[in-house]
């Protein structure tokens, strides 16, 4: 499972199925990429955002929970960030 060269962001979503919240395929893809392919580089001071790097091409990816007001932090998002933005923030 790799990242498409043209992909900028992967948005996870929670779905209500049979009365319970279930992660969609994008959530599973994000978690697999973070666990198996990307290297953790840095964590934001509040701990909600994490910077990862793809060892194959050097691109930086930010893992976050933009809907953090939802219980459990909400579904994850993985987005490409420039090296400059990564160095500024982390």
PDB file of N, CA and C in Angstrom:
ATOM      1  N   UNK A   1       0.857  -1.168   0.000  1.00  0.00           N
ATOM      2  CA  UNK A   1       0.000   0.000   0.000  1.00  0.00           C
ATOM      3  C   UNK A   1       0.901   1.227   0.000  1.00  0.00           C
ATOM      4  N   UNK A   2       0.937   1.927  -1.076  1.00  0.00           N
ATOM      5  CA  UNK A   2       1.805   3.098  -1.149  1.00  0.00           C
ATOM      6  C   UNK A   2       0.978   4.347  -1.419  1.00  0.00           C
ATOM      7  N   UNK A   3       1.634   5.471  -1.330  1.00  0.00           N
ATOM      8  CA  UNK A   3       0.979   6.754  -1.570  1.00  0.00           C
ATOM      9  C   UNK A   3       1.125   7.132  -3.030  1.00  0.00           C
ATOM     10  N   UNK A   4       0.052   7.543  -3.642  1.00  0.00           N
ATOM     11  CA  UNK A   4       0.028   7.990  -5.021  1.00  0.00           C
ATOM     12  C   UNK A   4       0.827   9.291  -5.137  1.00  0.00           C
ATOM     13  N   UNK A   5       1.638   9.405  -6.166  1.00  0.00           N
ATOM     14  CA  UNK A   5       2.457  10.605  -6.363  1.00  0.00           C
ATOM     15  C   UNK A   5       1.612  11.876  -6.422  1.00  0.00           C
ATOM     16  N   UNK A   6       0.365  11.788  -6.893  1.00  0.00           N
ATOM     17  CA  UNK A   6      -0.469  12.967  -7.062  1.00  0.00           C
ATOM     18  C   UNK A   6      -1.359  13.232  -5.860  1.00  0.00           C
ATOM     19  N   UNK A   7      -1.332  12.347  -4.897  1.00  0.00           N
ATOM     20  CA  UNK A   7      -2.200  12.490  -3.743  1.00  0.00           C
ATOM     21  C   UNK A   7      -1.651  13.551  -2.793  1.00  0.00           C
ATOM     22  N   UNK A   8      -2.504  14.439  -2.343  1.00  0.00           N
ATOM     23  CA  UNK A   8      -2.090  15.499  -1.446  1.00  0.00           C
ATOM     24  C   UNK A   8      -2.581  15.217  -0.031  1.00  0.00           C
ATOM     25  N   UNK A   9      -3.838  14.792   0.102  1.00  0.00           N
ATOM     26  CA  UNK A   9      -4.412  14.495   1.411  1.00  0.00           C
ATOM     27  C   UNK A   9      -5.283  13.249   1.345  1.00  0.00           C
ATOM     28  N   UNK A  10      -5.279  12.530   2.452  1.00  0.00           N
ATOM     29  CA  UNK A  10      -6.200  11.401   2.620  1.00  0.00           C
ATOM     30  C   UNK A  10      -7.023  11.724   3.859  1.00  0.00           C
ATOM     31  N   UNK A  11      -8.324  11.855   3.688  1.00  0.00           N
ATOM     32  CA  UNK A  11      -9.223  12.188   4.798  1.00  0.00           C
ATOM     33  C   UNK A  11      -9.929  10.932   5.277  1.00  0.00           C
ATOM     34  N   UNK A  12      -9.781  10.627   6.546  1.00  0.00           N
ATOM     35  CA  UNK A  12     -10.544   9.535   7.123  1.00  0.00           C
ATOM     36  C   UNK A  12     -11.938  10.012   7.486  1.00  0.00           C
ATOM     37  N   UNK A  13     -12.851   9.077   7.599  1.00  0.00           N
ATOM     38  CA  UNK A  13     -14.226   9.413   7.938  1.00  0.00           C
ATOM     39  C   UNK A  13     -14.802   8.291   8.804  1.00  0.00           C
ATOM     40  N   UNK A  14     -15.638   8.662   9.726  1.00  0.00           N
ATOM     41  CA  UNK A  14     -16.361   7.675  10.520  1.00  0.00           C
ATOM     42  C   UNK A  14     -17.754   7.535   9.953  1.00  0.00           C
ATOM     43  N   UNK A  15     -18.246   6.302   9.913  1.00  0.00           N
ATOM     44  CA  UNK A  15     -19.575   6.023   9.396  1.00  0.00           C
ATOM     45  C   UNK A  15     -20.387   5.302  10.458  1.00  0.00           C
ATOM     46  N   UNK A  16     -21.677   5.600  10.505  1.00  0.00           N
ATOM     47  CA  UNK A  16     -22.573   4.902  11.414  1.00  0.00           C
ATOM     48  C   UNK A  16     -23.108   3.671  10.676  1.00  0.00           C
ATOM     49  N   UNK A  17     -22.755   2.500  11.161  1.00  0.00           N
ATOM     50  CA  UNK A  17     -23.210   1.248  10.560  1.00  0.00           C
ATOM     51  C   UNK A  17     -23.789   0.372  11.667  1.00  0.00           C
ATOM     52  N   UNK A  18     -25.034  -0.001  11.494  1.00  0.00           N
ATOM     53  CA  UNK A  18     -25.734  -0.851  12.471  1.00  0.00           C
ATOM     54  C   UNK A  18     -25.629  -0.282  13.883  1.00  0.00           C
ATOM     55  N   UNK A  19     -25.762   1.028  13.987  1.00  0.00           N
ATOM     56  CA  UNK A  19     -25.787   1.672  15.288  1.00  0.00           C
ATOM     57  C   UNK A  19     -24.438   1.904  15.941  1.00  0.00           C
ATOM     58  N   UNK A  20     -23.336   1.658  15.235  1.00  0.00           N
ATOM     59  CA  UNK A  20     -22.019   1.944  15.816  1.00  0.00           C
ATOM     60  C   UNK A  20     -21.125   2.657  14.810  1.00  0.00           C
ATOM     61  N   UNK A  21     -20.200   3.441  15.351  1.00  0.00           N
ATOM     62  CA  UNK A  21     -19.272   4.183  14.503  1.00  0.00           C
ATOM     63  C   UNK A  21     -18.171   3.241  14.018  1.00  0.00           C
ATOM     64  N   UNK A  22     -17.923   3.304  12.709  1.00  0.00           N
ATOM     65  CA  UNK A  22     -16.927   2.443  12.075  1.00  0.00           C
ATOM     66  C   UNK A  22     -16.019   3.314  11.215  1.00  0.00           C
ATOM     67  N   UNK A  23     -14.718   3.031  11.250  1.00  0.00           N
ATOM     68  CA  UNK A  23     -13.774   3.764  10.404  1.00  0.00           C
ATOM     69  C   UNK A  23     -13.933   3.342   8.953  1.00  0.00           C
ATOM     70  N   UNK A  24     -13.816   4.300   8.034  1.00  0.00           N
ATOM     71  CA  UNK A  24     -13.897   3.974   6.615  1.00  0.00           C
ATOM     72  C   UNK A  24     -12.556   3.448   6.111  1.00  0.00           C
ATOM     73  N   UNK A  25     -12.507   3.104   4.822  1.00  0.00           N
ATOM     74  CA  UNK A  25     -11.291   2.552   4.218  1.00  0.00           C
ATOM     75  C   UNK A  25     -10.126   3.533   4.287  1.00  0.00           C
ATOM     76  N   UNK A  26     -10.396   4.839   4.196  1.00  0.00           N
ATOM     77  CA  UNK A  26      -9.310   5.823   4.288  1.00  0.00           C
ATOM     78  C   UNK A  26      -8.664   5.811   5.667  1.00  0.00           C
ATOM     79  N   UNK A  27      -9.443   5.657   6.723  1.00  0.00           N
ATOM     80  CA  UNK A  27      -8.876   5.554   8.078  1.00  0.00           C
ATOM     81  C   UNK A  27      -7.935   4.360   8.162  1.00  0.00           C
ATOM     82  N   UNK A  28      -8.373   3.237   7.625  1.00  0.00           N
ATOM     83  CA  UNK A  28      -7.545   2.033   7.652  1.00  0.00           C
ATOM     84  C   UNK A  28      -6.271   2.229   6.830  1.00  0.00           C
ATOM     85  N   UNK A  29      -6.393   2.897   5.689  1.00  0.00           N
ATOM     86  CA  UNK A  29      -5.223   3.154   4.843  1.00  0.00           C
ATOM     87  C   UNK A  29      -4.221   4.061   5.559  1.00  0.00           C
ATOM     88  N   UNK A  30      -4.724   5.125   6.180  1.00  0.00           N
ATOM     89  CA  UNK A  30      -3.853   6.047   6.917  1.00  0.00           C
ATOM     90  C   UNK A  30      -3.117   5.303   8.021  1.00  0.00           C
ATOM     91  N   UNK A  31      -3.832   4.525   8.806  1.00  0.00           N
ATOM     92  CA  UNK A  31      -3.204   3.789   9.913  1.00  0.00           C
ATOM     93  C   UNK A  31      -2.157   2.795   9.411  1.00  0.00           C
ATOM     94  N   UNK A  32      -2.446   2.124   8.292  1.00  0.00           N
ATOM     95  CA  UNK A  32      -1.479   1.173   7.730  1.00  0.00           C
ATOM     96  C   UNK A  32      -0.231   1.892   7.233  1.00  0.00           C
ATOM     97  N   UNK A  33      -0.400   3.018   6.559  1.00  0.00           N
ATOM     98  CA  UNK A  33       0.755   3.777   6.076  1.00  0.00           C
ATOM     99  C   UNK A  33       1.623   4.256   7.233  1.00  0.00           C
ATOM    100  N   UNK A  34       0.995   4.798   8.265  1.00  0.00           N
ATOM    101  CA  UNK A  34       1.735   5.310   9.415  1.00  0.00           C
ATOM    102  C   UNK A  34       2.442   4.166  10.158  1.00  0.00           C
ATOM    103  N   UNK A  35       1.785   3.036  10.266  1.00  0.00           N
ATOM    104  CA  UNK A  35       2.361   1.900  11.010  1.00  0.00           C
ATOM    105  C   UNK A  35       3.434   1.156  10.227  1.00  0.00           C
ATOM    106  N   UNK A  36       3.291   1.071   8.897  1.00  0.00           N
ATOM    107  CA  UNK A  36       4.146   0.170   8.134  1.00  0.00           C
ATOM    108  C   UNK A  36       5.090   0.806   7.128  1.00  0.00           C
ATOM    109  N   UNK A  37       4.801   2.032   6.691  1.00  0.00           N
ATOM    110  CA  UNK A  37       5.610   2.597   5.610  1.00  0.00           C
ATOM    111  C   UNK A  37       6.293   3.910   5.932  1.00  0.00           C
ATOM    112  N   UNK A  38       5.664   4.745   6.717  1.00  0.00           N
ATOM    113  CA  UNK A  38       6.221   6.066   7.002  1.00  0.00           C
ATOM    114  C   UNK A  38       7.019   6.041   8.303  1.00  0.00           C
ATOM    115  N   UNK A  39       8.031   6.893   8.365  1.00  0.00           N
ATOM    116  CA  UNK A  39       8.868   7.007   9.566  1.00  0.00           C
ATOM    117  C   UNK A  39       8.454   8.239  10.355  1.00  0.00           C
ATOM    118  N   UNK A  40       8.270   8.062  11.646  1.00  0.00           N
ATOM    119  CA  UNK A  40       7.944   9.184  12.521  1.00  0.00           C
ATOM    120  C   UNK A  40       9.177  10.066  12.659  1.00  0.00           C
ATOM    121  N   UNK A  41       8.987  11.377  12.437  1.00  0.00           N
ATOM    122  CA  UNK A  41      10.086  12.334  12.498  1.00  0.00           C
ATOM    123  C   UNK A  41       9.943  13.246  13.713  1.00  0.00           C
ATOM    124  N   UNK A  42       8.723  13.734  13.962  1.00  0.00           N
ATOM    125  CA  UNK A  42       8.520  14.691  15.055  1.00  0.00           C
ATOM    126  C   UNK A  42       7.054  14.687  15.474  1.00  0.00           C
ATOM    127  N   UNK A  43       6.823  15.205  16.684  1.00  0.00           N
ATOM    128  CA  UNK A  43       5.476  15.324  17.226  1.00  0.00           C
ATOM    129  C   UNK A  43       5.289  16.771  17.673  1.00  0.00           C
ATOM    130  N   UNK A  44       4.114  17.329  17.389  1.00  0.00           N
ATOM    131  CA  UNK A  44       3.836  18.710  17.794  1.00  0.00           C
ATOM    132  C   UNK A  44       3.839  18.812  19.318  1.00  0.00           C
ATOM    133  N   UNK A  45       3.966  20.012  19.834  1.00  0.00           N
ATOM    134  CA  UNK A  45       4.034  20.200  21.286  1.00  0.00           C
ATOM    135  C   UNK A  45       2.790  19.699  21.995  1.00  0.00           C
ATOM    136  N   UNK A  46       1.627  19.835  21.362  1.00  0.00           N
ATOM    137  CA  UNK A  46       0.401  19.361  22.008  1.00  0.00           C
ATOM    138  C   UNK A  46       0.150  17.873  21.770  1.00  0.00           C
ATOM    139  N   UNK A  47       0.948  17.250  20.913  1.00  0.00           N
ATOM    140  CA  UNK A  47       0.848  15.817  20.671  1.00  0.00           C
ATOM    141  C   UNK A  47      -0.221  15.396  19.680  1.00  0.00           C
ATOM    142  N   UNK A  48      -0.997  16.333  19.150  1.00  0.00           N
ATOM    143  CA  UNK A  48      -2.100  15.992  18.243  1.00  0.00           C
ATOM    144  C   UNK A  48      -1.653  15.813  16.800  1.00  0.00           C
ATOM    145  N   UNK A  49      -0.517  16.382  16.422  1.00  0.00           N
ATOM    146  CA  UNK A  49      -0.034  16.275  15.052  1.00  0.00           C
ATOM    147  C   UNK A  49       1.326  15.614  15.049  1.00  0.00           C
ATOM    148  N   UNK A  50       1.543  14.762  14.045  1.00  0.00           N
ATOM    149  CA  UNK A  50       2.810  14.033  13.945  1.00  0.00           C
ATOM    150  C   UNK A  50       3.342  14.147  12.530  1.00  0.00           C
ATOM    151  N   UNK A  51       4.634  14.415  12.440  1.00  0.00           N
ATOM    152  CA  UNK A  51       5.298  14.533  11.150  1.00  0.00           C
ATOM    153  C   UNK A  51       5.961  13.202  10.813  1.00  0.00           C
ATOM    154  N   UNK A  52       5.683  12.710   9.613  1.00  0.00           N
ATOM    155  CA  UNK A  52       6.281  11.469   9.123  1.00  0.00           C
ATOM    156  C   UNK A  52       7.010  11.751   7.818  1.00  0.00           C
ATOM    157  N   UNK A  53       7.914  10.848   7.476  1.00  0.00           N
ATOM    158  CA  UNK A  53       8.658  10.964   6.221  1.00  0.00           C
ATOM    159  C   UNK A  53       8.575   9.637   5.494  1.00  0.00           C
ATOM    160  N   UNK A  54       8.379   9.709   4.188  1.00  0.00           N
ATOM    161  CA  UNK A  54       8.370   8.514   3.357  1.00  0.00           C
ATOM    162  C   UNK A  54       9.823   8.196   3.012  1.00  0.00           C
ATOM    163  N   UNK A  55      10.362   7.065   3.466  1.00  0.00           N
ATOM    164  CA  UNK A  55      11.780   6.763   3.220  1.00  0.00           C
ATOM    165  C   UNK A  55      12.100   6.515   1.744  1.00  0.00           C
ATOM    166  N   UNK A  56      11.091   6.233   0.949  1.00  0.00           N
ATOM    167  CA  UNK A  56      11.335   5.962  -0.467  1.00  0.00           C
ATOM    168  C   UNK A  56      11.588   7.214  -1.273  1.00  0.00           C
ATOM    169  N   UNK A  57      10.861   8.296  -0.972  1.00  0.00           N
ATOM    170  CA  UNK A  57      11.028   9.504  -1.796  1.00  0.00           C
ATOM    171  C   UNK A  57      11.335  10.762  -0.977  1.00  0.00           C
ATOM    172  N   UNK A  58      11.381  10.641   0.356  1.00  0.00           N
ATOM    173  CA  UNK A  58      11.743  11.766   1.207  1.00  0.00           C
ATOM    174  C   UNK A  58      10.633  12.751   1.496  1.00  0.00           C
ATOM    175  N   UNK A  59       9.429  12.525   0.928  1.00  0.00           N
ATOM    176  CA  UNK A  59       8.331  13.467   1.178  1.00  0.00           C
ATOM    177  C   UNK A  59       7.903  13.429   2.639  1.00  0.00           C
ATOM    178  N   UNK A  60       7.437  14.586   3.118  1.00  0.00           N
ATOM    179  CA  UNK A  60       6.934  14.705   4.486  1.00  0.00           C
ATOM    180  C   UNK A  60       5.411  14.635   4.484  1.00  0.00           C
ATOM    181  N   UNK A  61       4.878  13.974   5.512  1.00  0.00           N
ATOM    182  CA  UNK A  61       3.442  13.789   5.673  1.00  0.00           C
ATOM    183  C   UNK A  61       3.058  14.124   7.100  1.00  0.00           C
ATOM    184  N   UNK A  62       1.981  14.892   7.249  1.00  0.00           N
ATOM    185  CA  UNK A  62       1.504  15.251   8.580  1.00  0.00           C
ATOM    186  C   UNK A  62       0.241  14.448   8.902  1.00  0.00           C
ATOM    187  N   UNK A  63       0.299  13.746  10.014  1.00  0.00           N
ATOM    188  CA  UNK A  63      -0.828  12.968  10.528  1.00  0.00           C
ATOM    189  C   UNK A  63      -1.515  13.821  11.586  1.00  0.00           C
ATOM    190  N   UNK A  64      -2.820  14.028  11.428  1.00  0.00           N
ATOM    191  CA  UNK A  64      -3.527  14.878  12.379  1.00  0.00           C
ATOM    192  C   UNK A  64      -4.978  14.426  12.525  1.00  0.00           C
ATOM    193  N   UNK A  65      -5.660  15.080  13.441  1.00  0.00           N
ATOM    194  CA  UNK A  65      -7.082  14.851  13.692  1.00  0.00           C
ATOM    195  C   UNK A  65      -7.776  16.212  13.621  1.00  0.00           C
ATOM    196  N   UNK A  66      -8.157  16.663  12.413  1.00  0.00           N
ATOM    197  CA  UNK A  66      -8.719  18.003  12.280  1.00  0.00           C
ATOM    198  C   UNK A  66     -10.066  18.187  12.976  1.00  0.00           C
ATOM    199  N   UNK A  67     -10.746  17.109  13.291  1.00  0.00           N
ATOM    200  CA  UNK A  67     -12.012  17.199  14.014  1.00  0.00           C
ATOM    201  C   UNK A  67     -11.789  16.790  15.470  1.00  0.00           C
ATOM    202  N   UNK A  68     -10.758  17.341  16.083  1.00  0.00           N
ATOM    203  CA  UNK A  68     -10.343  16.925  17.428  1.00  0.00           C
ATOM    204  C   UNK A  68     -11.404  17.176  18.493  1.00  0.00           C
ATOM    205  N   UNK A  69     -12.421  17.976  18.167  1.00  0.00           N
ATOM    206  CA  UNK A  69     -13.494  18.212  19.140  1.00  0.00           C
ATOM    207  C   UNK A  69     -14.381  16.981  19.309  1.00  0.00           C
ATOM    208  N   UNK A  70     -14.309  16.035  18.370  1.00  0.00           N
ATOM    209  CA  UNK A  70     -15.093  14.803  18.458  1.00  0.00           C
ATOM    210  C   UNK A  70     -14.423  13.871  19.472  1.00  0.00           C
ATOM    211  N   UNK A  71     -15.232  13.144  20.222  1.00  0.00           N
ATOM    212  CA  UNK A  71     -14.687  12.206  21.207  1.00  0.00           C
ATOM    213  C   UNK A  71     -13.677  11.276  20.538  1.00  0.00           C
ATOM    214  N   UNK A  72     -12.559  11.059  21.182  1.00  0.00           N
ATOM    215  CA  UNK A  72     -11.520  10.205  20.641  1.00  0.00           C
ATOM    216  C   UNK A  72     -10.647  10.889  19.611  1.00  0.00           C
ATOM    217  N   UNK A  73     -10.863  12.172  19.392  1.00  0.00           N
ATOM    218  CA  UNK A  73     -10.025  12.916  18.458  1.00  0.00           C
ATOM    219  C   UNK A  73     -10.547  12.964  17.041  1.00  0.00           C
ATOM    220  N   UNK A  74     -11.588  12.209  16.748  1.00  0.00           N
ATOM    221  CA  UNK A  74     -12.134  12.204  15.395  1.00  0.00           C
ATOM    222  C   UNK A  74     -11.277  11.391  14.449  1.00  0.00           C
ATOM    223  N   UNK A  75     -11.727  11.248  13.206  1.00  0.00           N
ATOM    224  CA  UNK A  75     -10.984  10.464  12.230  1.00  0.00           C
ATOM    225  C   UNK A  75      -9.675  11.158  11.830  1.00  0.00           C
ATOM    226  N   UNK A  76      -8.681  10.374  11.412  1.00  0.00           N
ATOM    227  CA  UNK A  76      -7.384  10.945  11.054  1.00  0.00           C
ATOM    228  C   UNK A  76      -7.345  11.503   9.635  1.00  0.00           C
ATOM    229  N   UNK A  77      -6.355  12.372   9.416  1.00  0.00           N
ATOM    230  CA  UNK A  77      -6.038  12.900   8.090  1.00  0.00           C
ATOM    231  C   UNK A  77      -4.529  12.785   7.911  1.00  0.00           C
ATOM    232  N   UNK A  78      -4.124  12.473   6.706  1.00  0.00           N
ATOM    233  CA  UNK A  78      -2.707  12.426   6.360  1.00  0.00           C
ATOM    234  C   UNK A  78      -2.537  13.340   5.151  1.00  0.00           C
ATOM    235  N   UNK A  79      -1.658  14.353   5.297  1.00  0.00           N
ATOM    236  CA  UNK A  79      -1.486  15.291   4.185  1.00  0.00           C
ATOM    237  C   UNK A  79      -0.011  15.562   3.941  1.00  0.00           C
ATOM    238  N   UNK A  80       0.302  15.753   2.672  1.00  0.00           N
ATOM    239  CA  UNK A  80       1.668  16.084   2.282  1.00  0.00           C
ATOM    240  C   UNK A  80       1.975  17.508   2.703  1.00  0.00           C
ATOM    241  N   UNK A  81       3.182  17.729   3.224  1.00  0.00           N
ATOM    242  CA  UNK A  81       3.631  19.069   3.582  1.00  0.00           C
ATOM    243  C   UNK A  81       5.024  19.271   3.001  1.00  0.00           C
ATOM    244  N   UNK A  82       5.331  20.508   2.680  1.00  0.00           N
ATOM    245  CA  UNK A  82       6.659  20.801   2.142  1.00  0.00           C
ATOM    246  C   UNK A  82       7.702  20.680   3.254  1.00  0.00           C
ATOM    247  N   UNK A  83       8.919  20.491   2.858  1.00  0.00           N
ATOM    248  CA  UNK A  83      10.021  20.429   3.827  1.00  0.00           C
ATOM    249  C   UNK A  83      10.083  21.729   4.638  1.00  0.00           C
ATOM    250  N   UNK A  84       9.891  22.843   3.951  1.00  0.00           N
ATOM    251  CA  UNK A  84       9.942  24.143   4.614  1.00  0.00           C
ATOM    252  C   UNK A  84       8.858  24.254   5.692  1.00  0.00           C
ATOM    253  N   UNK A  85       7.624  23.866   5.341  1.00  0.00           N
ATOM    254  CA  UNK A  85       6.540  23.905   6.319  1.00  0.00           C
ATOM    255  C   UNK A  85       6.798  22.961   7.490  1.00  0.00           C
ATOM    256  N   UNK A  86       7.346  21.808   7.188  1.00  0.00           N
ATOM    257  CA  UNK A  86       7.657  20.840   8.237  1.00  0.00           C
ATOM    258  C   UNK A  86       8.702  21.398   9.199  1.00  0.00           C
ATOM    259  N   UNK A  87       9.749  22.008   8.669  1.00  0.00           N
ATOM    260  CA  UNK A  87      10.819  22.549   9.510  1.00  0.00           C
ATOM    261  C   UNK A  87      10.322  23.731  10.346  1.00  0.00           C
ATOM    262  N   UNK A  88       9.445  24.550   9.776  1.00  0.00           N
ATOM    263  CA  UNK A  88       8.879  25.686  10.515  1.00  0.00           C
ATOM    264  C   UNK A  88       8.056  25.217  11.701  1.00  0.00           C
ATOM    265  N   UNK A  89       7.213  24.247  11.453  1.00  0.00           N
ATOM    266  CA  UNK A  89       6.253  23.804  12.467  1.00  0.00           C
ATOM    267  C   UNK A  89       6.870  22.885  13.499  1.00  0.00           C
ATOM    268  N   UNK A  90       7.772  22.004  13.069  1.00  0.00           N
ATOM    269  CA  UNK A  90       8.317  20.999  13.974  1.00  0.00           C
ATOM    270  C   UNK A  90       9.756  21.293  14.340  1.00  0.00           C
TER     271      UNK A  90
END
